[in-house]
Amino acid sequence: VELLLLAIGLSMDAFAVSVCKGLAAP
């Protein structure tokens, strides 16, 4: 459970950049 929470926490930067990628994708 701690490892999964860590994985989610670490992935949030990538998620945020991915949102920007999706925003720019026509």
PDB file of all heavy atoms in Angstrom:
ATOM      1  N   VAL A   1       0.843  -1.203   0.000  1.00  0.00           N
ATOM      2  CA  VAL A   1       0.000   0.000   0.000  1.00  0.00           C
ATOM      3  C   VAL A   1       0.877   1.251   0.000  1.00  0.00           C
ATOM      4  O   VAL A   1       0.638   2.196  -0.757  1.00  0.00           O
ATOM      5  CB  VAL A   1      -0.970   0.014   1.205  1.00  0.00           C
ATOM      6  CG1 VAL A   1      -1.697   1.334   1.327  1.00  0.00           C
ATOM      7  CG2 VAL A   1      -1.960  -1.139   1.095  1.00  0.00           C
ATOM      8  N   GLU A   2       1.920   1.268   0.841  1.00  0.00           N
ATOM      9  CA  GLU A   2       2.843   2.404   0.868  1.00  0.00           C
ATOM     10  C   GLU A   2       3.547   2.564  -0.476  1.00  0.00           C
ATOM     11  O   GLU A   2       3.723   3.681  -0.964  1.00  0.00           O
ATOM     12  CB  GLU A   2       3.886   2.221   1.968  1.00  0.00           C
ATOM     13  CG  GLU A   2       3.327   2.317   3.365  1.00  0.00           C
ATOM     14  CD  GLU A   2       4.314   1.893   4.430  1.00  0.00           C
ATOM     15  OE1 GLU A   2       5.247   1.129   4.147  1.00  0.00           O
ATOM     16  OE2 GLU A   2       4.138   2.331   5.581  1.00  0.00           O
ATOM     17  N   LEU A   3       3.925   1.448  -1.060  1.00  0.00           N
ATOM     18  CA  LEU A   3       4.586   1.480  -2.362  1.00  0.00           C
ATOM     19  C   LEU A   3       3.659   2.017  -3.446  1.00  0.00           C
ATOM     20  O   LEU A   3       4.071   2.816  -4.286  1.00  0.00           O
ATOM     21  CB  LEU A   3       5.077   0.081  -2.717  1.00  0.00           C
ATOM     22  CG  LEU A   3       6.086  -0.046  -3.825  1.00  0.00           C
ATOM     23  CD1 LEU A   3       7.290   0.841  -3.581  1.00  0.00           C
ATOM     24  CD2 LEU A   3       6.518  -1.503  -3.946  1.00  0.00           C
ATOM     25  N   LEU A   4       2.395   1.622  -3.409  1.00  0.00           N
ATOM     26  CA  LEU A   4       1.422   2.127  -4.379  1.00  0.00           C
ATOM     27  C   LEU A   4       1.201   3.630  -4.191  1.00  0.00           C
ATOM     28  O   LEU A   4       1.146   4.388  -5.165  1.00  0.00           O
ATOM     29  CB  LEU A   4       0.098   1.374  -4.277  1.00  0.00           C
ATOM     30  CG  LEU A   4      -0.975   1.777  -5.281  1.00  0.00           C
ATOM     31  CD1 LEU A   4      -0.489   1.576  -6.712  1.00  0.00           C
ATOM     32  CD2 LEU A   4      -2.247   0.987  -5.048  1.00  0.00           C
ATOM     33  N   LEU A   5       1.099   4.080  -2.948  1.00  0.00           N
ATOM     34  CA  LEU A   5       0.961   5.514  -2.686  1.00  0.00           C
ATOM     35  C   LEU A   5       2.193   6.275  -3.166  1.00  0.00           C
ATOM     36  O   LEU A   5       2.072   7.368  -3.739  1.00  0.00           O
ATOM     37  CB  LEU A   5       0.733   5.775  -1.190  1.00  0.00           C
ATOM     38  CG  LEU A   5      -0.635   5.385  -0.652  1.00  0.00           C
ATOM     39  CD1 LEU A   5      -0.666   5.518   0.875  1.00  0.00           C
ATOM     40  CD2 LEU A   5      -1.723   6.230  -1.271  1.00  0.00           C
ATOM     41  N   LEU A   6       3.367   5.695  -2.958  1.00  0.00           N
ATOM     42  CA  LEU A   6       4.598   6.312  -3.446  1.00  0.00           C
ATOM     43  C   LEU A   6       4.579   6.398  -4.971  1.00  0.00           C
ATOM     44  O   LEU A   6       4.914   7.428  -5.548  1.00  0.00           O
ATOM     45  CB  LEU A   6       5.813   5.505  -2.979  1.00  0.00           C
ATOM     46  CG  LEU A   6       7.174   6.015  -3.426  1.00  0.00           C
ATOM     47  CD1 LEU A   6       7.470   7.370  -2.801  1.00  0.00           C
ATOM     48  CD2 LEU A   6       8.252   5.012  -3.057  1.00  0.00           C
ATOM     49  N   ALA A   7       4.150   5.321  -5.617  1.00  0.00           N
ATOM     50  CA  ALA A   7       4.076   5.298  -7.086  1.00  0.00           C
ATOM     51  C   ALA A   7       3.118   6.369  -7.598  1.00  0.00           C
ATOM     52  O   ALA A   7       3.425   7.076  -8.569  1.00  0.00           O
ATOM     53  CB  ALA A   7       3.629   3.916  -7.565  1.00  0.00           C
ATOM     54  N   ILE A   8       1.989   6.519  -6.942  1.00  0.00           N
ATOM     55  CA  ILE A   8       1.020   7.548  -7.341  1.00  0.00           C
ATOM     56  C   ILE A   8       1.625   8.940  -7.131  1.00  0.00           C
ATOM     57  O   ILE A   8       1.531   9.807  -7.993  1.00  0.00           O
ATOM     58  CB  ILE A   8      -0.307   7.381  -6.578  1.00  0.00           C
ATOM     59  CG1 ILE A   8      -1.011   6.102  -7.035  1.00  0.00           C
ATOM     60  CG2 ILE A   8      -1.212   8.600  -6.775  1.00  0.00           C
ATOM     61  CD1 ILE A   8      -2.183   5.679  -6.162  1.00  0.00           C
ATOM     62  N   GLY A   9       2.254   9.146  -5.979  1.00  0.00           N
ATOM     63  CA  GLY A   9       2.872  10.440  -5.701  1.00  0.00           C
ATOM     64  C   GLY A   9       3.950  10.791  -6.715  1.00  0.00           C
ATOM     65  O   GLY A   9       4.006  11.918  -7.218  1.00  0.00           O
ATOM     66  N   LEU A  10       4.802   9.819  -7.045  1.00  0.00           N
ATOM     67  CA  LEU A  10       5.865  10.068  -8.017  1.00  0.00           C
ATOM     68  C   LEU A  10       5.322  10.344  -9.414  1.00  0.00           C
ATOM     69  O   LEU A  10       5.915  11.094 -10.179  1.00  0.00           O
ATOM     70  CB  LEU A  10       6.825   8.869  -8.081  1.00  0.00           C
ATOM     71  CG  LEU A  10       7.789   8.697  -6.921  1.00  0.00           C
ATOM     72  CD1 LEU A  10       8.553   7.387  -7.057  1.00  0.00           C
ATOM     73  CD2 LEU A  10       8.747   9.875  -6.835  1.00  0.00           C
ATOM     74  N   SER A  11       4.205   9.741  -9.740  1.00  0.00           N
ATOM     75  CA  SER A  11       3.672   9.872 -11.098  1.00  0.00           C
ATOM     76  C   SER A  11       2.936  11.188 -11.337  1.00  0.00           C
ATOM     77  O   SER A  11       2.603  11.502 -12.480  1.00  0.00           O
ATOM     78  CB  SER A  11       2.757   8.703 -11.415  1.00  0.00           C
ATOM     79  OG  SER A  11       1.587   8.756 -10.628  1.00  0.00           O
ATOM     80  N   MET A  12       2.716  11.974 -10.306  1.00  0.00           N
ATOM     81  CA  MET A  12       1.917  13.191 -10.469  1.00  0.00           C
ATOM     82  C   MET A  12       2.603  14.252 -11.344  1.00  0.00           C
ATOM     83  O   MET A  12       1.929  14.973 -12.076  1.00  0.00           O
ATOM     84  CB  MET A  12       1.537  13.788  -9.113  1.00  0.00           C
ATOM     85  CG  MET A  12       0.478  12.994  -8.368  1.00  0.00           C
ATOM     86  SD  MET A  12      -1.089  12.889  -9.255  1.00  0.00           S
ATOM     87  CE  MET A  12      -1.153  11.160  -9.643  1.00  0.00           C
ATOM     88  N   ASP A  13       3.924  14.351 -11.299  1.00  0.00           N
ATOM     89  CA  ASP A  13       4.617  15.277 -12.208  1.00  0.00           C
ATOM     90  C   ASP A  13       4.396  14.849 -13.657  1.00  0.00           C
ATOM     91  O   ASP A  13       4.096  15.674 -14.519  1.00  0.00           O
ATOM     92  CB  ASP A  13       6.124  15.298 -11.930  1.00  0.00           C
ATOM     93  CG  ASP A  13       6.516  16.294 -10.852  1.00  0.00           C
ATOM     94  OD1 ASP A  13       5.645  17.087 -10.426  1.00  0.00           O
ATOM     95  OD2 ASP A  13       7.685  16.285 -10.444  1.00  0.00           O
ATOM     96  N   ALA A  14       4.552  13.557 -13.901  1.00  0.00           N
ATOM     97  CA  ALA A  14       4.352  13.039 -15.254  1.00  0.00           C
ATOM     98  C   ALA A  14       2.891  13.208 -15.678  1.00  0.00           C
ATOM     99  O   ALA A  14       2.609  13.531 -16.834  1.00  0.00           O
ATOM    100  CB  ALA A  14       4.767  11.572 -15.334  1.00  0.00           C
ATOM    101  N   PHE A  15       1.975  13.017 -14.747  1.00  0.00           N
ATOM    102  CA  PHE A  15       0.549  13.216 -15.049  1.00  0.00           C
ATOM    103  C   PHE A  15       0.300  14.668 -15.464  1.00  0.00           C
ATOM    104  O   PHE A  15      -0.390  14.930 -16.449  1.00  0.00           O
ATOM    105  CB  PHE A  15      -0.303  12.857 -13.824  1.00  0.00           C
ATOM    106  CG  PHE A  15      -1.771  13.150 -14.002  1.00  0.00           C
ATOM    107  CD1 PHE A  15      -2.589  12.270 -14.682  1.00  0.00           C
ATOM    108  CD2 PHE A  15      -2.328  14.314 -13.496  1.00  0.00           C
ATOM    109  CE1 PHE A  15      -3.952  12.533 -14.849  1.00  0.00           C
ATOM    110  CE2 PHE A  15      -3.676  14.593 -13.652  1.00  0.00           C
ATOM    111  CZ  PHE A  15      -4.493  13.695 -14.335  1.00  0.00           C
ATOM    112  N   ALA A  16       0.883  15.592 -14.713  1.00  0.00           N
ATOM    113  CA  ALA A  16       0.681  17.014 -15.005  1.00  0.00           C
ATOM    114  C   ALA A  16       1.225  17.380 -16.390  1.00  0.00           C
ATOM    115  O   ALA A  16       0.574  18.101 -17.154  1.00  0.00           O
ATOM    116  CB  ALA A  16       1.347  17.877 -13.932  1.00  0.00           C
ATOM    117  N   VAL A  17       2.397  16.872 -16.731  1.00  0.00           N
ATOM    118  CA  VAL A  17       2.961  17.145 -18.054  1.00  0.00           C
ATOM    119  C   VAL A  17       2.121  16.458 -19.126  1.00  0.00           C
ATOM    120  O   VAL A  17       1.912  17.007 -20.208  1.00  0.00           O
ATOM    121  CB  VAL A  17       4.441  16.697 -18.121  1.00  0.00           C
ATOM    122  CG1 VAL A  17       4.984  16.826 -19.535  1.00  0.00           C
ATOM    123  CG2 VAL A  17       5.282  17.527 -17.150  1.00  0.00           C
ATOM    124  N   SER A  18       1.608  15.283 -18.820  1.00  0.00           N
ATOM    125  CA  SER A  18       0.753  14.564 -19.770  1.00  0.00           C
ATOM    126  C   SER A  18      -0.533  15.330 -20.049  1.00  0.00           C
ATOM    127  O   SER A  18      -1.035  15.317 -21.182  1.00  0.00           O
ATOM    128  CB  SER A  18       0.419  13.167 -19.231  1.00  0.00           C
ATOM    129  OG  SER A  18       1.587  12.402 -19.090  1.00  0.00           O
ATOM    130  N   VAL A  19      -1.072  15.973 -19.017  1.00  0.00           N
ATOM    131  CA  VAL A  19      -2.261  16.809 -19.214  1.00  0.00           C
ATOM    132  C   VAL A  19      -1.946  17.903 -20.232  1.00  0.00           C
ATOM    133  O   VAL A  19      -2.737  18.180 -21.141  1.00  0.00           O
ATOM    134  CB  VAL A  19      -2.756  17.408 -17.875  1.00  0.00           C
ATOM    135  CG1 VAL A  19      -3.792  18.496 -18.097  1.00  0.00           C
ATOM    136  CG2 VAL A  19      -3.332  16.311 -16.978  1.00  0.00           C
ATOM    137  N   CYS A  20      -0.768  18.507 -20.095  1.00  0.00           N
ATOM    138  CA  CYS A  20      -0.348  19.545 -21.055  1.00  0.00           C
ATOM    139  C   CYS A  20      -0.197  18.964 -22.457  1.00  0.00           C
ATOM    140  O   CYS A  20      -0.562  19.606 -23.444  1.00  0.00           O
ATOM    141  CB  CYS A  20       0.960  20.191 -20.615  1.00  0.00           C
ATOM    142  SG  CYS A  20       0.806  21.158 -19.112  1.00  0.00           S
ATOM    143  N   LYS A  21       0.346  17.747 -22.552  1.00  0.00           N
ATOM    144  CA  LYS A  21       0.471  17.090 -23.858  1.00  0.00           C
ATOM    145  C   LYS A  21      -0.906  16.884 -24.481  1.00  0.00           C
ATOM    146  O   LYS A  21      -1.108  17.101 -25.665  1.00  0.00           O
ATOM    147  CB  LYS A  21       1.186  15.738 -23.722  1.00  0.00           C
ATOM    148  CG  LYS A  21       2.655  15.841 -23.512  1.00  0.00           C
ATOM    149  CD  LYS A  21       3.317  16.170 -24.808  1.00  0.00           C
ATOM    150  CE  LYS A  21       4.807  16.163 -24.695  1.00  0.00           C
ATOM    151  NZ  LYS A  21       5.406  16.779 -25.872  1.00  0.00           N
ATOM    152  N   GLY A  22      -1.857  16.434 -23.675  1.00  0.00           N
ATOM    153  CA  GLY A  22      -3.211  16.216 -24.167  1.00  0.00           C
ATOM    154  C   GLY A  22      -3.904  17.503 -24.558  1.00  0.00           C
ATOM    155  O   GLY A  22      -4.661  17.550 -25.539  1.00  0.00           O
ATOM    156  N   LEU A  23      -3.631  18.546 -23.808  1.00  0.00           N
ATOM    157  CA  LEU A  23      -4.194  19.862 -24.098  1.00  0.00           C
ATOM    158  C   LEU A  23      -3.722  20.363 -25.458  1.00  0.00           C
ATOM    159  O   LEU A  23      -4.482  20.961 -26.212  1.00  0.00           O
ATOM    160  CB  LEU A  23      -3.772  20.834 -22.997  1.00  0.00           C
ATOM    161  CG  LEU A  23      -4.283  22.261 -23.043  1.00  0.00           C
ATOM    162  CD1 LEU A  23      -5.799  22.279 -22.902  1.00  0.00           C
ATOM    163  CD2 LEU A  23      -3.656  23.072 -21.922  1.00  0.00           C
ATOM    164  N   ALA A  24      -2.463  20.075 -25.795  1.00  0.00           N
ATOM    165  CA  ALA A  24      -1.879  20.560 -27.044  1.00  0.00           C
ATOM    166  C   ALA A  24      -2.196  19.674 -28.251  1.00  0.00           C
ATOM    167  O   ALA A  24      -2.019  20.090 -29.383  1.00  0.00           O
ATOM    168  CB  ALA A  24      -0.364  20.667 -26.894  1.00  0.00           C
ATOM    169  N   ALA A  25      -2.647  18.450 -27.987  1.00  0.00           N
ATOM    170  CA  ALA A  25      -2.903  17.512 -29.086  1.00  0.00           C
ATOM    171  C   ALA A  25      -4.224  17.845 -29.774  1.00  0.00           C
ATOM    172  O   ALA A  25      -5.284  17.718 -29.163  1.00  0.00           O
ATOM    173  CB  ALA A  25      -2.933  16.080 -28.566  1.00  0.00           C
ATOM    174  N   PRO A  26      -4.166  18.253 -31.050  1.00  0.00           N
ATOM    175  CA  PRO A  26      -5.403  18.602 -31.751  1.00  0.00           C
ATOM    176  C   PRO A  26      -6.282  17.376 -31.994  1.00  0.00           C
ATOM    177  O   PRO A  26      -7.494  17.434 -31.856  1.00  0.00           O
ATOM    178  CB  PRO A  26      -4.919  19.202 -33.069  1.00  0.00           C
ATOM    179  CG  PRO A  26      -3.516  18.738 -33.237  1.00  0.00           C
ATOM    180  CD  PRO A  26      -2.982  18.427 -31.866  1.00  0.00           C
TER     181      PRO A  26
END
